[in-house]
Amino acid sequence: MSRAFKETYADIKIASPLKRLGAFVYDLMLVAALLMVSTGVLMTINGGEALDTSPYFAVYQSALFIIVYLFLSFFWMRNGQTLGMLAWRLRVQTSEGYRLNFTQSLIRYIVGIISLSAFGAGFLWMFINKQKMTWHDLASGTHVVELPKNARILE
């Protein structure tokens, strides 16, 4: 069951590709930092040895996959905004205007990885789609919207 946002706005519009790109780059830097810190912690647990030659390499990759998912889904489910989206006044919400649930966040994350893996074709789809939706928007039933300038950002 999806929860409604505390505040709704009458003048919400679909986010522009340029703003989405800005938020993506911002979040990419945060995720890179998170991965570096996580790798340091996991290397410490592994006795300081490199993890790429470890018999636990699959566990390491799985841990990083889960860590990034938990980081992004926390923000998507909490208030619909990652830190990058917050900076650009963007919000991800369901087609009905609600917060994402666990399943929608998971679908959005996995299809987002597929979108990137396909040389960004899933992201470029927003230039073909009339509603400016990417593959992960379509698969998860979500939209990225731009909040008005007078919007109260943190809920």
Protein backbone atom coordinates (compact mmCIF):
# COMPACT_ATOMS: atom_id res chain seq x y z
CA MET A 1 0.00 0.00 0.00
CA SER A 2 1.40 3.38 -0.99
CA ARG A 3 1.39 6.37 1.32
CA ALA A 4 0.43 9.87 0.23
CA PHE A 5 2.88 12.76 0.46
CA LYS A 6 2.23 15.28 3.24
CA GLU A 7 1.94 18.11 0.73
CA THR A 8 0.49 18.09 -2.74
CA TYR A 9 0.97 20.73 -5.40
CA ALA A 10 -1.35 21.77 -8.19
CA ASP A 11 1.41 22.97 -10.52
CA ILE A 12 3.65 19.88 -10.66
CA LYS A 13 5.09 19.16 -14.10
CA ILE A 14 7.10 16.31 -15.57
CA ALA A 15 10.82 16.82 -14.91
CA SER A 16 13.01 17.91 -17.80
CA PRO A 17 15.77 15.58 -19.01
CA LEU A 18 18.42 18.19 -18.13
CA LYS A 19 17.27 18.40 -14.49
CA ARG A 20 17.08 14.62 -14.28
CA LEU A 21 20.63 14.41 -15.60
CA GLY A 22 21.80 16.94 -13.00
CA ALA A 23 20.21 14.95 -10.18
CA PHE A 24 21.64 11.71 -11.60
CA VAL A 25 25.20 13.10 -11.69
CA TYR A 26 24.84 14.42 -8.12
CA ASP A 27 23.54 11.05 -6.90
CA LEU A 28 26.22 9.21 -8.87
CA MET A 29 28.92 11.04 -6.91
CA LEU A 30 27.20 10.13 -3.63
CA VAL A 31 26.87 6.48 -4.65
CA ALA A 32 30.56 6.39 -5.68
CA ALA A 33 31.52 7.69 -2.22
CA LEU A 34 29.21 5.15 -0.59
CA LEU A 35 30.80 2.34 -2.62
CA MET A 36 34.31 3.46 -1.63
CA VAL A 37 33.43 3.53 2.07
CA SER A 38 31.63 0.18 1.81
CA THR A 39 34.59 -1.38 0.02
CA GLY A 40 36.92 -0.10 2.75
CA VAL A 41 34.74 -1.65 5.43
CA LEU A 42 34.45 -4.94 3.53
CA MET A 43 38.23 -5.03 2.93
CA THR A 44 38.79 -4.51 6.64
CA ILE A 45 36.49 -7.43 7.37
CA ASN A 46 38.49 -9.46 4.82
CA GLY A 47 41.73 -8.78 6.71
CA GLY A 48 42.89 -5.99 4.41
CA GLU A 49 43.12 -8.27 1.39
CA ALA A 50 41.86 -7.25 -2.04
CA LEU A 51 38.36 -8.50 -2.66
CA ASP A 52 38.67 -9.11 -6.41
CA THR A 53 40.77 -12.24 -5.86
CA SER A 54 38.91 -13.37 -2.77
CA PRO A 55 36.69 -16.45 -2.79
CA TYR A 56 34.04 -14.07 -1.41
CA PHE A 57 34.00 -11.86 -4.52
CA ALA A 58 30.37 -12.76 -5.34
CA VAL A 59 29.39 -11.91 -1.77
CA TYR A 60 31.23 -8.57 -2.10
CA GLN A 61 29.43 -7.70 -5.34
CA SER A 62 26.09 -8.73 -3.86
CA ALA A 63 26.74 -6.63 -0.76
CA LEU A 64 27.48 -3.55 -2.89
CA PHE A 65 24.33 -4.17 -4.96
CA ILE A 66 22.23 -4.36 -1.78
CA ILE A 67 23.91 -1.35 -0.15
CA VAL A 68 23.21 0.89 -3.14
CA TYR A 69 19.62 -0.38 -3.35
CA LEU A 70 19.02 0.31 0.35
CA PHE A 71 20.52 3.79 0.01
CA LEU A 72 18.35 4.78 -2.99
CA SER A 73 15.16 3.05 -1.88
CA PHE A 74 15.35 4.67 1.55
CA PHE A 75 15.09 8.09 -0.08
CA TRP A 76 12.56 7.03 -2.73
CA MET A 77 10.20 5.51 -0.17
CA ARG A 78 10.74 8.17 2.52
CA ASN A 79 10.00 11.38 0.63
CA GLY A 80 10.44 10.52 -3.05
CA GLN A 81 13.74 12.40 -3.29
CA THR A 82 17.33 11.32 -3.29
CA LEU A 83 19.83 13.98 -2.28
CA GLY A 84 20.43 14.86 -5.93
CA MET A 85 16.71 15.11 -6.59
CA LEU A 86 16.35 17.30 -3.53
CA ALA A 87 18.95 19.71 -4.91
CA TRP A 88 17.12 19.93 -8.25
CA ARG A 89 13.58 20.03 -6.71
CA LEU A 90 12.59 16.72 -8.28
CA ARG A 91 10.50 13.94 -6.79
CA VAL A 92 9.74 10.40 -7.88
CA GLN A 93 6.18 9.34 -7.26
CA THR A 94 3.68 6.78 -8.45
CA SER A 95 1.42 7.59 -11.38
CA GLU A 96 -1.29 8.38 -8.79
CA GLY A 97 0.98 10.80 -6.90
CA TYR A 98 1.92 8.57 -3.96
CA ARG A 99 5.20 7.48 -2.40
CA LEU A 100 6.91 4.42 -3.81
CA ASN A 101 6.59 1.10 -2.01
CA PHE A 102 9.26 -1.59 -1.63
CA THR A 103 8.29 -3.44 -4.83
CA GLN A 104 8.23 -0.30 -6.98
CA SER A 105 11.63 0.75 -5.59
CA LEU A 106 13.12 -2.66 -6.35
CA ILE A 107 11.72 -2.69 -9.90
CA ARG A 108 12.93 0.87 -10.47
CA TYR A 109 16.42 -0.02 -9.23
CA ILE A 110 16.82 -3.23 -11.26
CA VAL A 111 15.39 -1.79 -14.48
CA GLY A 112 17.51 1.33 -13.95
CA ILE A 113 20.61 -0.88 -13.96
CA ILE A 114 19.38 -2.55 -17.14
CA SER A 115 18.75 0.92 -18.65
CA LEU A 116 22.36 1.89 -17.96
CA SER A 117 23.71 -1.47 -19.12
CA ALA A 118 22.02 -1.00 -22.48
CA PHE A 119 24.34 1.95 -23.19
CA GLY A 120 21.84 4.32 -21.59
CA ALA A 121 19.02 3.38 -23.99
CA GLY A 122 16.56 3.14 -21.10
CA PHE A 123 17.33 6.73 -20.12
CA LEU A 124 17.32 8.00 -23.70
CA TRP A 125 13.81 6.56 -24.03
CA MET A 126 12.52 9.73 -22.32
CA PHE A 127 13.23 11.61 -25.58
CA ILE A 128 10.92 9.22 -27.48
CA ASN A 129 8.18 8.83 -24.87
CA LYS A 130 5.55 11.61 -24.83
CA GLN A 131 5.42 11.63 -21.01
CA LYS A 132 9.27 11.76 -20.82
CA MET A 133 9.34 8.38 -19.07
CA THR A 134 12.38 6.10 -18.94
CA TRP A 135 12.29 2.31 -18.92
CA HIS A 136 12.45 2.20 -15.13
CA ASP A 137 9.63 4.76 -14.90
CA LEU A 138 7.47 2.62 -17.17
CA ALA A 139 8.32 -0.67 -15.45
CA SER A 140 7.71 0.63 -11.92
CA GLY A 141 4.68 2.81 -12.68
CA THR A 142 6.44 5.95 -11.48
CA HIS A 143 7.08 9.50 -12.72
CA VAL A 144 9.81 11.99 -11.92
CA VAL A 145 8.21 15.38 -11.42
CA GLU A 146 9.53 18.88 -10.85
CA LEU A 147 8.23 20.58 -7.73
CA PRO A 148 7.30 24.27 -7.89
CA LYS A 149 9.80 26.87 -6.65
CA ASN A 150 7.71 27.63 -3.56
CA ALA A 151 7.56 23.95 -2.57
CA ARG A 152 8.53 22.92 0.91
CA ILE A 153 11.25 20.43 -0.02
CA LEU A 154 11.86 18.40 3.14
CA GLU A 155 8.85 16.58 4.56
